[in-house]
N, C-alpha and C. Protein backbone atom coordinates (compact mmCIF):
# COMPACT_ATOMS: atom_id res chain seq x y z
N MET A 1 -6.81 -5.44 44.23
CA MET A 1 -7.31 -6.82 43.25
C MET A 1 -7.45 -5.96 42.10
N LEU A 2 -7.97 -4.86 41.64
CA LEU A 2 -8.03 -4.47 40.46
C LEU A 2 -6.91 -4.68 39.73
N ALA A 3 -5.32 -4.18 40.58
CA ALA A 3 -4.53 -4.09 39.32
C ALA A 3 -4.53 -5.16 38.77
N ALA A 4 -4.61 -6.20 39.84
CA ALA A 4 -3.94 -7.86 39.60
C ALA A 4 -4.59 -8.08 38.46
N VAL A 5 -5.75 -7.71 38.39
CA VAL A 5 -6.61 -7.92 37.02
C VAL A 5 -6.63 -7.48 35.89
N LEU A 6 -6.19 -5.95 36.02
CA LEU A 6 -6.01 -4.81 34.67
C LEU A 6 -4.48 -5.21 34.11
N LEU A 7 -3.51 -5.32 35.28
CA LEU A 7 -2.51 -5.11 34.65
C LEU A 7 -1.87 -6.62 33.50
N PRO A 8 -2.12 -7.80 33.38
CA PRO A 8 -1.97 -8.49 32.24
C PRO A 8 -2.71 -8.20 31.06
N TRP A 9 -3.89 -7.56 31.44
CA TRP A 9 -4.88 -6.94 30.27
C TRP A 9 -4.39 -5.84 29.17
N LEU A 10 -3.33 -4.72 30.32
CA LEU A 10 -2.59 -3.73 29.65
C LEU A 10 -1.71 -4.06 29.45
N ALA A 11 -1.09 -4.85 29.70
CA ALA A 11 0.28 -5.76 29.42
C ALA A 11 0.22 -5.85 27.42
N GLY A 12 -0.95 -6.50 27.31
CA GLY A 12 -1.12 -7.00 25.98
C GLY A 12 -1.08 -5.97 25.08
N CYS A 13 -1.56 -3.95 25.61
CA CYS A 13 -2.06 -3.63 24.72
C CYS A 13 -0.71 -2.90 24.13
N ALA A 14 0.69 -3.16 25.30
CA ALA A 14 1.94 -2.63 25.13
C ALA A 14 2.67 -3.36 24.02
N ASN A 15 2.25 -4.69 23.28
CA ASN A 15 2.54 -4.95 22.76
C ASN A 15 2.94 -4.73 20.99
N GLY A 16 2.13 -3.61 21.10
CA GLY A 16 2.57 -2.53 19.49
C GLY A 16 2.14 -3.17 18.47
N ALA A 17 2.96 -3.52 17.36
CA ALA A 17 2.37 -3.29 16.08
C ALA A 17 1.72 -5.08 15.85
N HIS A 18 0.92 -5.35 15.49
CA HIS A 18 0.42 -6.74 14.91
C HIS A 18 1.38 -7.02 14.07
N ARG A 19 1.62 -8.22 14.42
CA ARG A 19 2.45 -9.78 12.99
C ARG A 19 1.18 -10.42 12.31
N LEU A 20 1.77 -10.53 11.27
CA LEU A 20 0.68 -11.28 10.20
C LEU A 20 0.55 -12.66 10.68
N PRO A 21 -0.79 -12.89 10.63
CA PRO A 21 -0.93 -14.70 11.51
C PRO A 21 -0.24 -15.68 10.81
N TYR A 22 0.31 -15.40 9.61
CA TYR A 22 1.30 -16.85 9.17
C TYR A 22 2.76 -16.33 8.58
N ASP A 23 3.73 -16.22 9.07
CA ASP A 23 4.91 -15.77 8.26
C ASP A 23 5.66 -16.12 6.70
N SER A 24 4.45 -17.25 6.10
CA SER A 24 4.70 -16.67 4.61
C SER A 24 4.00 -16.36 4.00
N TRP A 25 3.12 -15.17 4.18
CA TRP A 25 2.22 -14.35 3.69
C TRP A 25 3.17 -13.29 3.42
N ARG A 26 2.40 -13.17 1.99
CA ARG A 26 3.02 -11.76 0.85
C ARG A 26 2.19 -10.98 0.02
N LEU A 27 2.77 -9.96 -0.43
CA LEU A 27 1.67 -9.56 -1.12
C LEU A 27 1.98 -8.89 -2.31
N GLY A 28 1.71 -9.42 -3.66
CA GLY A 28 2.63 -9.39 -4.84
C GLY A 28 1.77 -8.31 -5.76
N LEU A 29 2.48 -6.93 -6.23
CA LEU A 29 1.76 -6.75 -6.53
C LEU A 29 2.43 -6.10 -8.62
N GLY A 30 1.82 -6.19 -9.11
CA GLY A 30 1.94 -6.05 -10.43
C GLY A 30 1.92 -5.11 -11.08
N THR A 31 2.61 -4.72 -12.43
CA THR A 31 3.17 -3.13 -12.96
C THR A 31 2.44 -3.40 -14.32
N PRO A 32 2.25 -2.73 -15.07
CA PRO A 32 1.98 -2.78 -16.37
C PRO A 32 3.34 -2.93 -17.42
N ASN A 33 3.14 -3.80 -18.73
CA ASN A 33 4.26 -4.45 -19.29
C ASN A 33 5.38 -3.24 -19.51
N TYR A 34 6.50 -3.77 -19.43
CA TYR A 34 7.75 -2.86 -19.44
C TYR A 34 7.89 -1.73 -18.31
N MET A 35 6.91 -1.46 -17.49
CA MET A 35 7.01 -0.75 -16.71
C MET A 35 7.70 -0.69 -14.90
N ASP A 36 8.86 -0.47 -14.95
CA ASP A 36 9.28 -0.98 -13.68
C ASP A 36 8.61 0.13 -12.57
N VAL A 37 8.76 -0.05 -11.46
CA VAL A 37 7.98 0.64 -10.16
C VAL A 37 9.19 0.36 -8.79
N TRP A 38 9.13 1.05 -8.31
CA TRP A 38 9.51 0.68 -6.65
C TRP A 38 8.76 1.06 -5.52
N ILE A 39 7.94 0.23 -4.82
CA ILE A 39 7.33 0.50 -3.46
C ILE A 39 7.84 0.59 -2.52
N GLU A 40 7.90 1.89 -2.22
CA GLU A 40 8.38 2.16 -0.80
C GLU A 40 7.67 1.31 0.30
N THR A 41 6.39 1.17 0.27
CA THR A 41 5.68 0.40 1.39
C THR A 41 3.64 -0.01 1.37
N ALA A 42 3.99 -1.31 1.00
CA ALA A 42 2.06 -1.88 1.29
C ALA A 42 2.04 -2.35 2.37
N ASP A 43 1.05 -1.64 3.30
CA ASP A 43 -0.01 -1.76 4.27
C ASP A 43 -1.36 -2.38 4.53
N ALA A 44 -1.05 -3.44 4.76
CA ALA A 44 -2.38 -3.90 4.75
C ALA A 44 -3.48 -3.99 6.43
N VAL A 45 -4.79 -4.17 5.62
CA VAL A 45 -6.06 -3.63 6.95
C VAL A 45 -6.65 -5.03 6.75
N ASP A 46 -6.72 -6.56 7.96
CA ASP A 46 -7.84 -7.52 7.46
C ASP A 46 -8.93 -7.06 8.14
N VAL A 47 -9.59 -8.07 7.75
CA VAL A 47 -11.70 -7.88 7.99
C VAL A 47 -11.73 -7.75 9.75
N ARG A 48 -10.29 -7.77 10.37
CA ARG A 48 -11.10 -7.31 11.96
C ARG A 48 -10.85 -6.06 12.34
N GLU A 49 -10.26 -5.03 11.14
CA GLU A 49 -9.33 -3.92 10.88
C GLU A 49 -8.10 -3.75 11.64
N ARG A 50 -7.31 -4.97 11.42
CA ARG A 50 -6.07 -4.74 12.30
C ARG A 50 -5.17 -4.25 11.03
N VAL A 51 -3.98 -3.62 11.35
CA VAL A 51 -3.22 -2.62 10.39
C VAL A 51 -2.06 -3.70 10.55
N PHE A 52 -1.25 -4.02 9.17
CA PHE A 52 0.01 -4.53 9.30
C PHE A 52 0.75 -3.50 8.32
N ARG A 53 1.17 -2.71 9.25
CA ARG A 53 2.96 -1.63 8.14
C ARG A 53 3.88 -2.50 7.60
N ARG A 54 3.70 -2.15 6.67
CA ARG A 54 5.13 -2.49 5.29
C ARG A 54 4.76 -3.87 5.68
N ALA A 55 3.70 -4.54 4.83
CA ALA A 55 3.40 -5.71 4.36
C ALA A 55 4.06 -6.33 3.71
N MET A 56 4.87 -5.22 2.48
CA MET A 56 5.41 -5.81 1.36
C MET A 56 6.07 -4.44 0.96
N SER A 57 7.19 -4.27 0.26
CA SER A 57 7.62 -3.35 -0.39
C SER A 57 9.44 -3.80 -1.10
N GLY A 58 9.61 -2.88 -2.23
CA GLY A 58 10.52 -3.80 -3.13
C GLY A 58 10.26 -3.64 -4.42
N ILE A 59 9.91 -4.50 -5.55
CA ILE A 59 9.90 -4.40 -6.87
C ILE A 59 8.47 -4.73 -7.46
N GLY A 60 7.36 -4.61 -7.98
CA GLY A 60 6.41 -5.14 -8.51
C GLY A 60 6.76 -5.91 -9.39
N SER A 61 6.45 -6.43 -9.68
CA SER A 61 6.25 -7.77 -11.14
C SER A 61 6.19 -7.04 -12.42
N THR A 62 7.35 -7.24 -13.45
CA THR A 62 6.83 -6.89 -14.73
C THR A 62 7.32 -7.95 -15.77
N GLN A 63 6.46 -7.78 -16.57
CA GLN A 63 6.20 -8.58 -17.90
C GLN A 63 7.22 -7.73 -19.07
N HIS A 64 7.97 -8.92 -19.72
CA HIS A 64 8.43 -7.83 -21.14
C HIS A 64 8.16 -9.55 -21.76
N PRO A 65 6.67 -8.94 -22.57
CA PRO A 65 6.64 -10.11 -23.79
C PRO A 65 7.61 -9.96 -25.11
N LYS A 66 7.27 -10.98 -25.53
CA LYS A 66 8.40 -11.01 -26.77
C LYS A 66 7.60 -11.00 -27.99
N ASP A 67 5.71 -10.87 -27.58
CA ASP A 67 5.40 -11.37 -29.22
C ASP A 67 4.90 -9.71 -29.54
N ILE A 68 5.50 -8.39 -28.70
CA ILE A 68 5.32 -6.76 -28.84
C ILE A 68 6.05 -6.59 -29.33
N ASP A 69 6.24 -5.91 -30.85
CA ASP A 69 7.46 -5.42 -31.15
C ASP A 69 7.50 -3.78 -30.32
N SER A 70 8.88 -3.92 -29.95
CA SER A 70 9.38 -2.83 -28.55
C SER A 70 10.01 -1.31 -29.83
N THR A 71 9.57 -1.67 -31.27
CA THR A 71 10.26 -1.04 -32.38
C THR A 71 9.30 0.40 -32.44
N ASP A 72 8.10 -0.26 -31.92
CA ASP A 72 6.67 0.47 -32.25
C ASP A 72 5.78 0.83 -31.23
N PRO A 73 5.95 1.62 -30.64
CA PRO A 73 5.47 2.03 -29.30
C PRO A 73 4.05 2.38 -29.59
N ARG A 74 2.88 1.71 -29.83
CA ARG A 74 2.03 2.92 -29.71
C ARG A 74 1.68 2.94 -29.01
N GLY A 75 0.90 4.63 -28.83
CA GLY A 75 -0.09 4.86 -27.84
C GLY A 75 0.89 5.96 -26.76
N TRP A 76 2.24 5.50 -27.16
CA TRP A 76 3.61 6.60 -26.99
C TRP A 76 3.51 7.82 -27.22
N PRO A 77 3.85 9.14 -26.66
CA PRO A 77 3.73 10.08 -27.74
C PRO A 77 6.05 10.22 -28.02
N GLU A 78 5.72 10.82 -29.32
CA GLU A 78 7.11 10.77 -29.50
C GLU A 78 8.40 11.46 -28.78
N GLN A 79 7.44 12.93 -28.55
CA GLN A 79 8.53 13.37 -27.46
C GLN A 79 8.26 13.65 -26.05
N PRO A 80 8.17 12.59 -25.40
CA PRO A 80 7.66 13.11 -23.89
C PRO A 80 7.65 13.90 -22.94
N GLU A 81 6.25 14.85 -23.00
CA GLU A 81 6.65 16.46 -22.12
C GLU A 81 7.55 16.32 -21.10
N VAL A 82 8.32 17.23 -20.91
CA VAL A 82 8.61 17.01 -19.35
C VAL A 82 8.72 18.06 -18.62
N ALA A 83 8.26 17.62 -17.42
CA ALA A 83 7.40 18.39 -16.05
C ALA A 83 8.36 19.46 -15.76
């Protein structure tokens, strides 16, 4: 009798990874102007502490504003140090 009660409950644990509540959810990650990045994986944890692995991956949103003079890179060193 106990096995009949526990079996369906334990089968729910075998489901594995949690799915997002809605298929249309996405994470949007931004970057500083003119910086291109590649995001390997972005994991999310909801308020119920459920973990959603690889909720987003790919490239971040990058802006290329036209009002910035690209020939005057203020704040950047003339010769970047090579590590």
